Amino acid sequence: MKRHERMNALLELLGDRGRVDVEEAATALEVSAATMRRDMDALAEQQLLTRTRGGAVLSSVAYDLPIRYKHAHRSEEKEAVAKAAAKLVERGDVVGLSGGTTTTAIARVLATRPDFAEAGPQPHLTIVTNSLNIANELAVRPQIKIVLTGGVAHSRSFELVGPFSELVLQQISIDIAFIGANGMDPLMGATVHDEAEARVNRLMAERARRAIVVADSSKIGERCFARVGDADVFDTFITDGGAKEATRREFADRGLKVVTARPSAGE
């Protein structure tokens, strides 16, 4: 594992647990304690974590980790989910994408689809998003129209939230929306860390003819602070093959169709 990948993984570990000690992190990432101390010190200099006696805790300045530090985590599962989601999009659709690593993966798959890349007088796809990083990546694609919601930016998640975001969303209609989640529980449905993010995500889902939750299986069973919704706003949940059959049945019993995405042969 390269150093930047290891530091990504350390931040993910901290995101899940809130606090880790050196030995615990070193064991989890299969490196020496000395290497882990150096990584923690380097991330502390960037204010992405706070060093403690014998370990580290998440930095107190924000609740989430930057997308650029998360993209490598469970990348195969996210890619599989993204490809399954992108198959549901048709030429001419208006697609809503919330922020997050899985929705970013969906954006990348859509951007490379040949039918959306063909030259023409009009865009072949419209993307509505509150994610700065998704808008940044797709802005160079002339055949994809980008609508950014506006709003106040979260420095760590790169998402726009607040009344300006809501004002834009209330004025538009979306064909299909893909909403990411930090937690996906059969009883609570999709949840995220921040109430403002949850409000924008729910509104985006409500403005869509079809709204779909996308999350890899590591999010199943997790409950975060703010609820986005379950079958009251979503009809489908796309996840990867790590989801247990019994859990899939629980979601189905609650009214959600569960689509299990698996990596393509050879990936």
C-alpha atoms as a PDB file:
ATOM      1  CA  MET A   1       0.000   0.000   0.000  1.00  0.00           C
ATOM      2  CA  LYS A   2       1.401   3.372  -1.036  1.00  0.00           C
ATOM      3  CA  ARG A   3       1.706   6.128   1.534  1.00  0.00           C
ATOM      4  CA  HIS A   4      -1.179   8.252   0.246  1.00  0.00           C
ATOM      5  CA  GLU A   5      -3.418   5.171   0.145  1.00  0.00           C
ATOM      6  CA  ARG A   6      -2.381   4.286   3.696  1.00  0.00           C
ATOM      7  CA  MET A   7      -3.158   7.811   4.888  1.00  0.00           C
ATOM      8  CA  ASN A   8      -6.537   7.633   3.162  1.00  0.00           C
ATOM      9  CA  ALA A   9      -7.221   4.377   4.980  1.00  0.00           C
ATOM     10  CA  LEU A  10      -6.145   5.872   8.307  1.00  0.00           C
ATOM     11  CA  LEU A  11      -8.567   8.762   7.854  1.00  0.00           C
ATOM     12  CA  GLU A  12     -11.330   6.312   7.001  1.00  0.00           C
ATOM     13  CA  LEU A  13     -10.530   4.318  10.137  1.00  0.00           C
ATOM     14  CA  LEU A  14     -10.731   7.494  12.191  1.00  0.00           C
ATOM     15  CA  GLY A  15     -13.976   8.443  10.471  1.00  0.00           C
ATOM     16  CA  ASP A  16     -15.496   5.122  11.519  1.00  0.00           C
ATOM     17  CA  ARG A  17     -14.173   5.017  15.091  1.00  0.00           C
ATOM     18  CA  GLY A  18     -13.490   8.622  16.042  1.00  0.00           C
ATOM     19  CA  ARG A  19     -10.291   7.647  17.883  1.00  0.00           C
ATOM     20  CA  VAL A  20      -7.519   5.100  17.300  1.00  0.00           C
ATOM     21  CA  ASP A  21      -4.228   4.343  18.990  1.00  0.00           C
ATOM     22  CA  VAL A  22      -0.981   3.787  17.134  1.00  0.00           C
ATOM     23  CA  GLU A  23      -0.794   0.043  17.666  1.00  0.00           C
ATOM     24  CA  GLU A  24      -4.428  -0.494  16.696  1.00  0.00           C
ATOM     25  CA  ALA A  25      -4.041   1.495  13.467  1.00  0.00           C
ATOM     26  CA  ALA A  26      -0.705  -0.137  12.637  1.00  0.00           C
ATOM     27  CA  THR A  27      -2.251  -3.592  12.970  1.00  0.00           C
ATOM     28  CA  ALA A  28      -5.290  -2.675  10.904  1.00  0.00           C
ATOM     29  CA  LEU A  29      -3.176  -1.235   8.083  1.00  0.00           C
ATOM     30  CA  GLU A  30      -0.363  -3.814   8.361  1.00  0.00           C
ATOM     31  CA  VAL A  31       2.508  -1.380   8.951  1.00  0.00           C
ATOM     32  CA  SER A  32       4.944  -0.752  11.772  1.00  0.00           C
ATOM     33  CA  ALA A  33       4.092   1.475  14.717  1.00  0.00           C
ATOM     34  CA  ALA A  34       6.898   3.858  13.672  1.00  0.00           C
ATOM     35  CA  THR A  35       5.376   4.242  10.191  1.00  0.00           C
ATOM     36  CA  MET A  36       1.950   4.872  11.699  1.00  0.00           C
ATOM     37  CA  ARG A  37       3.325   7.578  14.003  1.00  0.00           C
ATOM     38  CA  ARG A  38       4.873   9.350  11.007  1.00  0.00           C
ATOM     39  CA  ASP A  39       1.593   9.163   9.086  1.00  0.00           C
ATOM     40  CA  MET A  40      -0.339  10.531  12.047  1.00  0.00           C
ATOM     41  CA  ASP A  41       2.141  13.357  12.476  1.00  0.00           C
ATOM     42  CA  ALA A  42       1.877  14.262   8.778  1.00  0.00           C
ATOM     43  CA  LEU A  43      -1.928  14.344   8.889  1.00  0.00           C
ATOM     44  CA  ALA A  44      -1.843  16.367  12.092  1.00  0.00           C
ATOM     45  CA  GLU A  45       0.237  18.993  10.294  1.00  0.00           C
ATOM     46  CA  GLN A  46      -2.577  19.230   7.725  1.00  0.00           C
ATOM     47  CA  GLN A  47      -5.102  19.569  10.592  1.00  0.00           C
ATOM     48  CA  LEU A  48      -6.949  16.462   9.413  1.00  0.00           C
ATOM     49  CA  LEU A  49      -6.514  14.758  12.777  1.00  0.00           C
ATOM     50  CA  THR A  50      -5.395  15.654  16.296  1.00  0.00           C
ATOM     51  CA  ARG A  51      -2.569  13.707  17.881  1.00  0.00           C
ATOM     52  CA  THR A  52      -3.137  12.311  21.353  1.00  0.00           C
ATOM     53  CA  ARG A  53      -0.890  10.426  23.724  1.00  0.00           C
ATOM     54  CA  GLY A  54      -0.444   7.137  21.894  1.00  0.00           C
ATOM     55  CA  GLY A  55      -2.806   7.797  19.020  1.00  0.00           C
ATOM     56  CA  ALA A  56      -5.093  10.258  17.262  1.00  0.00           C
ATOM     57  CA  VAL A  57      -8.649  11.594  17.155  1.00  0.00           C
ATOM     58  CA  LEU A  58     -10.580  13.284  14.384  1.00  0.00           C
ATOM     59  CA  SER A  59      -9.902  16.972  14.011  1.00  0.00           C
ATOM     60  CA  SER A  60     -12.490  19.086  15.785  1.00  0.00           C
ATOM     61  CA  VAL A  61     -12.811  21.529  12.895  1.00  0.00           C
ATOM     62  CA  ALA A  62     -15.199  19.459  10.755  1.00  0.00           C
ATOM     63  CA  TYR A  63     -17.386  16.367  10.826  1.00  0.00           C
ATOM     64  CA  ASP A  64     -16.429  14.705   7.577  1.00  0.00           C
ATOM     65  CA  LEU A  65     -13.339  13.922   5.541  1.00  0.00           C
ATOM     66  CA  PRO A  66     -12.483  15.482   2.192  1.00  0.00           C
ATOM     67  CA  ILE A  67     -13.536  13.523  -0.866  1.00  0.00           C
ATOM     68  CA  ARG A  68      -9.924  13.497  -2.071  1.00  0.00           C
ATOM     69  CA  TYR A  69      -8.935  11.468   1.004  1.00  0.00           C
ATOM     70  CA  LYS A  70     -11.771   8.955   0.666  1.00  0.00           C
ATOM     71  CA  HIS A  71     -11.955   7.980  -2.978  1.00  0.00           C
ATOM     72  CA  ALA A  72      -9.744   4.891  -2.718  1.00  0.00           C
ATOM     73  CA  HIS A  73     -11.706   3.246   0.119  1.00  0.00           C
ATOM     74  CA  ARG A  74     -13.810   0.279  -1.114  1.00  0.00           C
ATOM     75  CA  SER A  75     -13.253   1.526  -4.652  1.00  0.00           C
ATOM     76  CA  GLU A  76     -14.241  -1.756  -6.341  1.00  0.00           C
ATOM     77  CA  GLU A  77     -17.573  -1.864  -4.520  1.00  0.00           C
ATOM     78  CA  LYS A  78     -18.311   1.789  -5.288  1.00  0.00           C
ATOM     79  CA  GLU A  79     -17.430   1.263  -8.936  1.00  0.00           C
ATOM     80  CA  ALA A  80     -19.812  -1.693  -9.150  1.00  0.00           C
ATOM     81  CA  VAL A  81     -22.613   0.345  -7.578  1.00  0.00           C
ATOM     82  CA  ALA A  82     -21.849   3.252  -9.913  1.00  0.00           C
ATOM     83  CA  LYS A  83     -22.055   1.109 -13.030  1.00  0.00           C
ATOM     84  CA  ALA A  84     -25.355  -0.422 -11.936  1.00  0.00           C
ATOM     85  CA  ALA A  85     -26.762   3.054 -11.261  1.00  0.00           C
ATOM     86  CA  ALA A  86     -25.532   4.514 -14.553  1.00  0.00           C
ATOM     87  CA  LYS A  87     -27.352   1.794 -16.519  1.00  0.00           C
ATOM     88  CA  LEU A  88     -30.630   3.301 -15.335  1.00  0.00           C
ATOM     89  CA  VAL A  89     -29.887   6.670 -16.957  1.00  0.00           C
ATOM     90  CA  GLU A  90     -31.133   7.397 -20.466  1.00  0.00           C
ATOM     91  CA  ARG A  91     -30.025   9.991 -22.974  1.00  0.00           C
ATOM     92  CA  GLY A  92     -31.772  13.301 -22.326  1.00  0.00           C
ATOM     93  CA  ASP A  93     -32.382  12.610 -18.625  1.00  0.00           C
ATOM     94  CA  VAL A  94     -32.038  15.146 -15.852  1.00  0.00           C
ATOM     95  CA  VAL A  95     -30.018  13.381 -13.152  1.00  0.00           C
ATOM     96  CA  GLY A  96     -29.692  14.485  -9.541  1.00  0.00           C
ATOM     97  CA  LEU A  97     -26.456  13.616  -7.717  1.00  0.00           C
ATOM     98  CA  SER A  98     -25.876  14.358  -4.057  1.00  0.00           C
ATOM     99  CA  GLY A  99     -22.331  14.636  -2.763  1.00  0.00           C
ATOM    100  CA  GLY A 100     -20.266  11.627  -1.750  1.00  0.00           C
ATOM    101  CA  THR A 101     -17.755   9.142  -3.056  1.00  0.00           C
ATOM    102  CA  THR A 102     -20.312   6.751  -4.545  1.00  0.00           C
ATOM    103  CA  THR A 103     -22.182   9.489  -6.393  1.00  0.00           C
ATOM    104  CA  THR A 104     -18.842  10.839  -7.603  1.00  0.00           C
ATOM    105  CA  ALA A 105     -18.161   7.388  -9.044  1.00  0.00           C
ATOM    106  CA  ILE A 106     -21.553   7.510 -10.791  1.00  0.00           C
ATOM    107  CA  ALA A 107     -20.654  10.897 -12.293  1.00  0.00           C
ATOM    108  CA  ARG A 108     -17.409   9.474 -13.666  1.00  0.00           C
ATOM    109  CA  VAL A 109     -19.174   6.495 -15.253  1.00  0.00           C
ATOM    110  CA  LEU A 110     -21.773   8.761 -16.860  1.00  0.00           C
ATOM    111  CA  ALA A 111     -19.060  11.104 -18.145  1.00  0.00           C
ATOM    112  CA  THR A 112     -17.359   8.283 -20.027  1.00  0.00           C
ATOM    113  CA  ARG A 113     -20.455   6.717 -21.593  1.00  0.00           C
ATOM    114  CA  PRO A 114     -20.068   6.939 -25.394  1.00  0.00           C
ATOM    115  CA  ASP A 115     -23.697   7.937 -25.992  1.00  0.00           C
ATOM    116  CA  PHE A 116     -23.269  10.963 -23.742  1.00  0.00           C
ATOM    117  CA  ALA A 117     -19.965  11.983 -25.325  1.00  0.00           C
ATOM    118  CA  GLU A 118     -21.171  12.281 -28.922  1.00  0.00           C
ATOM    119  CA  ALA A 119     -20.892  15.717 -30.510  1.00  0.00           C
ATOM    120  CA  GLY A 120     -24.147  17.590 -30.981  1.00  0.00           C
ATOM    121  CA  PRO A 121     -25.812  20.980 -30.762  1.00  0.00           C
ATOM    122  CA  GLN A 122     -27.424  20.216 -27.389  1.00  0.00           C
ATOM    123  CA  PRO A 123     -26.229  18.479 -24.199  1.00  0.00           C
ATOM    124  CA  HIS A 124     -27.176  14.813 -24.009  1.00  0.00           C
ATOM    125  CA  LEU A 125     -27.505  14.796 -20.223  1.00  0.00           C
ATOM    126  CA  THR A 126     -28.230  17.292 -17.459  1.00  0.00           C
ATOM    127  CA  ILE A 127     -26.659  16.810 -14.041  1.00  0.00           C
ATOM    128  CA  VAL A 128     -28.088  18.641 -11.034  1.00  0.00           C
ATOM    129  CA  THR A 129     -25.764  18.480  -8.041  1.00  0.00           C
ATOM    130  CA  ASN A 130     -24.869  20.193  -4.797  1.00  0.00           C
ATOM    131  CA  SER A 131     -21.382  18.695  -4.942  1.00  0.00           C
ATOM    132  CA  LEU A 132     -18.515  21.011  -5.851  1.00  0.00           C
ATOM    133  CA  ASN A 133     -16.185  18.181  -6.792  1.00  0.00           C
ATOM    134  CA  ILE A 134     -18.738  16.525  -9.106  1.00  0.00           C
ATOM    135  CA  ALA A 135     -19.442  19.846 -10.830  1.00  0.00           C
ATOM    136  CA  ASN A 136     -15.710  20.473 -11.174  1.00  0.00           C
ATOM    137  CA  GLU A 137     -15.082  17.092 -12.792  1.00  0.00           C
ATOM    138  CA  LEU A 138     -17.992  17.320 -15.229  1.00  0.00           C
ATOM    139  CA  ALA A 139     -17.666  20.979 -16.194  1.00  0.00           C
ATOM    140  CA  VAL A 140     -15.121  20.079 -18.893  1.00  0.00           C
ATOM    141  CA  ARG A 141     -17.647  17.784 -20.616  1.00  0.00           C
ATOM    142  CA  PRO A 142     -19.414  19.953 -23.227  1.00  0.00           C
ATOM    143  CA  GLN A 143     -22.173  17.415 -23.854  1.00  0.00           C
ATOM    144  CA  ILE A 144     -23.225  17.328 -20.198  1.00  0.00           C
ATOM    145  CA  LYS A 145     -25.098  20.311 -18.801  1.00  0.00           C
ATOM    146  CA  ILE A 146     -24.197  21.024 -15.182  1.00  0.00           C
ATOM    147  CA  VAL A 147     -26.628  22.719 -12.789  1.00  0.00           C
ATOM    148  CA  LEU A 148     -25.040  23.546  -9.439  1.00  0.00           C
ATOM    149  CA  THR A 149     -27.537  24.241  -6.691  1.00  0.00           C
ATOM    150  CA  GLY A 150     -25.649  27.018  -4.967  1.00  0.00           C
ATOM    151  CA  GLY A 151     -25.508  27.287  -1.200  1.00  0.00           C
ATOM    152  CA  VAL A 152     -22.962  27.290   1.595  1.00  0.00           C
ATOM    153  CA  ALA A 153     -20.035  24.897   1.121  1.00  0.00           C
ATOM    154  CA  HIS A 154     -18.960  22.373   3.721  1.00  0.00           C
ATOM    155  CA  SER A 155     -15.172  22.478   3.705  1.00  0.00           C
ATOM    156  CA  ARG A 156     -14.770  18.735   4.198  1.00  0.00           C
ATOM    157  CA  SER A 157     -17.564  17.157   2.169  1.00  0.00           C
ATOM    158  CA  PHE A 158     -17.506  19.736  -0.673  1.00  0.00           C
ATOM    159  CA  GLU A 159     -21.311  19.857  -0.563  1.00  0.00           C
ATOM    160  CA  LEU A 160     -23.501  22.951  -0.856  1.00  0.00           C
ATOM    161  CA  VAL A 161     -26.346  23.232   1.644  1.00  0.00           C
ATOM    162  CA  GLY A 162     -28.756  25.792   3.031  1.00  0.00           C
ATOM    163  CA  PRO A 163     -31.627  27.939   1.742  1.00  0.00           C
ATOM    164  CA  PHE A 164     -29.926  28.831  -1.553  1.00  0.00           C
ATOM    165  CA  SER A 165     -29.601  25.130  -2.423  1.00  0.00           C
ATOM    166  CA  GLU A 166     -33.214  24.546  -1.469  1.00  0.00           C
ATOM    167  CA  LEU A 167     -34.417  27.522  -3.521  1.00  0.00           C
ATOM    168  CA  VAL A 168     -32.906  26.099  -6.712  1.00  0.00           C
ATOM    169  CA  LEU A 169     -34.151  22.565  -6.076  1.00  0.00           C
ATOM    170  CA  GLN A 170     -37.688  23.767  -5.467  1.00  0.00           C
ATOM    171  CA  GLN A 171     -37.790  25.230  -8.980  1.00  0.00           C
ATOM    172  CA  ILE A 172     -36.733  22.184 -10.982  1.00  0.00           C
ATOM    173  CA  SER A 173     -37.848  18.678 -11.930  1.00  0.00           C
ATOM    174  CA  ILE A 174     -35.459  15.713 -11.985  1.00  0.00           C
ATOM    175  CA  ASP A 175     -35.923  12.412 -13.808  1.00  0.00           C
ATOM    176  CA  ILE A 176     -33.754  10.238 -11.570  1.00  0.00           C
ATOM    177  CA  ALA A 177     -31.801  11.120  -8.418  1.00  0.00           C
ATOM    178  CA  PHE A 178     -28.981   9.148  -6.843  1.00  0.00           C
ATOM    179  CA  ILE A 179     -28.511  10.006  -3.188  1.00  0.00           C
ATOM    180  CA  GLY A 180     -25.506   8.840  -1.192  1.00  0.00           C
ATOM    181  CA  ALA A 181     -25.684   7.928   2.495  1.00  0.00           C
ATOM    182  CA  ASN A 182     -23.253   7.558   5.382  1.00  0.00           C
ATOM    183  CA  GLY A 183     -25.548   5.008   6.985  1.00  0.00           C
ATOM    184  CA  MET A 184     -28.286   2.732   5.657  1.00  0.00           C
ATOM    185  CA  ASP A 185     -30.467   1.009   8.231  1.00  0.00           C
ATOM    186  CA  PRO A 186     -33.622  -1.043   7.560  1.00  0.00           C
ATOM    187  CA  LEU A 187     -35.582   0.904  10.180  1.00  0.00           C
ATOM    188  CA  MET A 188     -34.200   4.437   9.823  1.00  0.00           C
ATOM    189  CA  GLY A 189     -33.389   4.313   6.140  1.00  0.00           C
ATOM    190  CA  ALA A 190     -30.683   6.559   4.725  1.00  0.00           C
ATOM    191  CA  THR A 191     -28.837   8.801   7.176  1.00  0.00           C
ATOM    192  CA  VAL A 192     -25.985  11.308   6.985  1.00  0.00           C
ATOM    193  CA  HIS A 193     -23.838  13.170   9.498  1.00  0.00           C
ATOM    194  CA  ASP A 194     -25.295  16.649   9.068  1.00  0.00           C
ATOM    195  CA  GLU A 195     -28.905  17.876   9.252  1.00  0.00           C
ATOM    196  CA  ALA A 196     -28.448  20.531   6.553  1.00  0.00           C
ATOM    197  CA  GLU A 197     -27.030  17.910   4.191  1.00  0.00           C
ATOM    198  CA  ALA A 198     -29.939  15.592   5.004  1.00  0.00           C
ATOM    199  CA  ARG A 199     -32.470  18.311   4.184  1.00  0.00           C
ATOM    200  CA  VAL A 200     -30.936  19.065   0.764  1.00  0.00           C
ATOM    201  CA  ASN A 201     -30.565  15.373  -0.063  1.00  0.00           C
ATOM    202  CA  ARG A 202     -34.188  14.677   0.807  1.00  0.00           C
ATOM    203  CA  LEU A 203     -35.404  17.633  -1.225  1.00  0.00           C
ATOM    204  CA  MET A 204     -33.392  16.471  -4.235  1.00  0.00           C
ATOM    205  CA  ALA A 205     -34.980  13.029  -3.881  1.00  0.00           C
ATOM    206  CA  GLU A 206     -38.461  14.522  -3.609  1.00  0.00           C
ATOM    207  CA  ARG A 207     -37.958  16.575  -6.779  1.00  0.00           C
ATOM    208  CA  ALA A 208     -37.184  13.406  -8.754  1.00  0.00           C
ATOM    209  CA  ARG A 209     -39.602  11.097 -10.539  1.00  0.00           C
ATOM    210  CA  ARG A 210     -37.443   8.269  -9.241  1.00  0.00           C
ATOM    211  CA  ALA A 211     -35.090   8.465  -6.243  1.00  0.00           C
ATOM    212  CA  ILE A 212     -32.461   5.841  -5.474  1.00  0.00           C
ATOM    213  CA  VAL A 213     -30.152   5.406  -2.473  1.00  0.00           C
ATOM    214  CA  VAL A 214     -26.603   4.355  -3.378  1.00  0.00           C
ATOM    215  CA  ALA A 215     -24.211   3.054  -0.727  1.00  0.00           C
ATOM    216  CA  ASP A 216     -21.678   0.261  -0.463  1.00  0.00           C
ATOM    217  CA  SER A 217     -22.421  -2.531   1.988  1.00  0.00           C
ATOM    218  CA  SER A 218     -20.121  -1.151   4.708  1.00  0.00           C
ATOM    219  CA  LYS A 219     -22.801   1.507   5.331  1.00  0.00           C
ATOM    220  CA  ILE A 220     -25.526  -1.072   6.024  1.00  0.00           C
ATOM    221  CA  GLY A 221     -26.559  -1.168   9.660  1.00  0.00           C
ATOM    222  CA  GLU A 222     -24.987   2.218  10.371  1.00  0.00           C
ATOM    223  CA  ARG A 223     -27.117   5.018  11.816  1.00  0.00           C
ATOM    224  CA  CYS A 224     -25.862   8.566  11.514  1.00  0.00           C
ATOM    225  CA  PHE A 225     -27.219  11.743  13.063  1.00  0.00           C
ATOM    226  CA  ALA A 226     -29.649  13.032  10.424  1.00  0.00           C
ATOM    227  CA  ARG A 227     -32.277  11.002   8.584  1.00  0.00           C
ATOM    228  CA  VAL A 228     -32.800  11.478   4.845  1.00  0.00           C
ATOM    229  CA  GLY A 229     -35.588   8.922   4.357  1.00  0.00           C
ATOM    230  CA  ASP A 230     -36.472   5.384   3.333  1.00  0.00           C
ATOM    231  CA  ALA A 231     -39.362   4.117   1.201  1.00  0.00           C
ATOM    232  CA  ASP A 232     -41.186   7.385   1.846  1.00  0.00           C
ATOM    233  CA  VAL A 233     -38.865   9.040  -0.691  1.00  0.00           C
ATOM    234  CA  PHE A 234     -36.829   6.221  -2.285  1.00  0.00           C
ATOM    235  CA  ASP A 235     -37.964   3.241  -4.335  1.00  0.00           C
ATOM    236  CA  THR A 236     -34.606   1.486  -4.783  1.00  0.00           C
ATOM    237  CA  PHE A 237     -31.385   0.840  -2.862  1.00  0.00           C
ATOM    238  CA  ILE A 238     -28.284  -0.076  -4.878  1.00  0.00           C
ATOM    239  CA  THR A 239     -25.448  -1.669  -2.939  1.00  0.00           C
ATOM    240  CA  ASP A 240     -22.708  -4.251  -3.510  1.00  0.00           C
ATOM    241  CA  GLY A 241     -22.539  -7.995  -3.013  1.00  0.00           C
ATOM    242  CA  GLY A 242     -21.442  -7.661   0.618  1.00  0.00           C
ATOM    243  CA  ALA A 243     -25.051  -7.108   1.680  1.00  0.00           C
ATOM    244  CA  LYS A 244     -26.422 -10.177   3.487  1.00  0.00           C
ATOM    245  CA  GLU A 245     -29.545 -11.852   2.145  1.00  0.00           C
ATOM    246  CA  ALA A 246     -31.417 -11.392   5.429  1.00  0.00           C
ATOM    247  CA  THR A 247     -30.639  -7.677   5.421  1.00  0.00           C
ATOM    248  CA  ARG A 248     -31.767  -7.330   1.810  1.00  0.00           C
ATOM    249  CA  ARG A 249     -35.061  -8.923   2.789  1.00  0.00           C
ATOM    250  CA  GLU A 250     -35.465  -6.436   5.634  1.00  0.00           C
ATOM    251  CA  PHE A 251     -35.127  -3.529   3.205  1.00  0.00           C
ATOM    252  CA  ALA A 252     -37.532  -5.216   0.786  1.00  0.00           C
ATOM    253  CA  ASP A 253     -40.069  -5.716   3.570  1.00  0.00           C
ATOM    254  CA  ARG A 254     -39.866  -1.965   4.225  1.00  0.00           C
ATOM    255  CA  GLY A 255     -40.757  -1.243   0.603  1.00  0.00           C
ATOM    256  CA  LEU A 256     -37.331  -0.749  -0.979  1.00  0.00           C
ATOM    257  CA  LYS A 257     -36.212  -2.687  -4.034  1.00  0.00           C
ATOM    258  CA  VAL A 258     -32.627  -3.813  -3.423  1.00  0.00           C
ATOM    259  CA  VAL A 259     -30.259  -4.057  -6.394  1.00  0.00           C
ATOM    260  CA  THR A 260     -27.028  -5.952  -5.744  1.00  0.00           C
ATOM    261  CA  ALA A 261     -24.152  -4.765  -7.904  1.00  0.00           C
ATOM    262  CA  ARG A 262     -21.118  -6.933  -8.472  1.00  0.00           C
ATOM    263  CA  PRO A 263     -17.810  -6.089 -10.207  1.00  0.00           C
ATOM    264  CA  SER A 264     -17.698  -7.012 -13.863  1.00  0.00           C
ATOM    265  CA  ALA A 265     -15.673 -10.046 -14.884  1.00  0.00           C
ATOM    266  CA  GLY A 266     -12.014  -9.223 -15.158  1.00  0.00           C
ATOM    267  CA  GLU A 267     -12.162  -6.229 -12.789  1.00  0.00           C
END
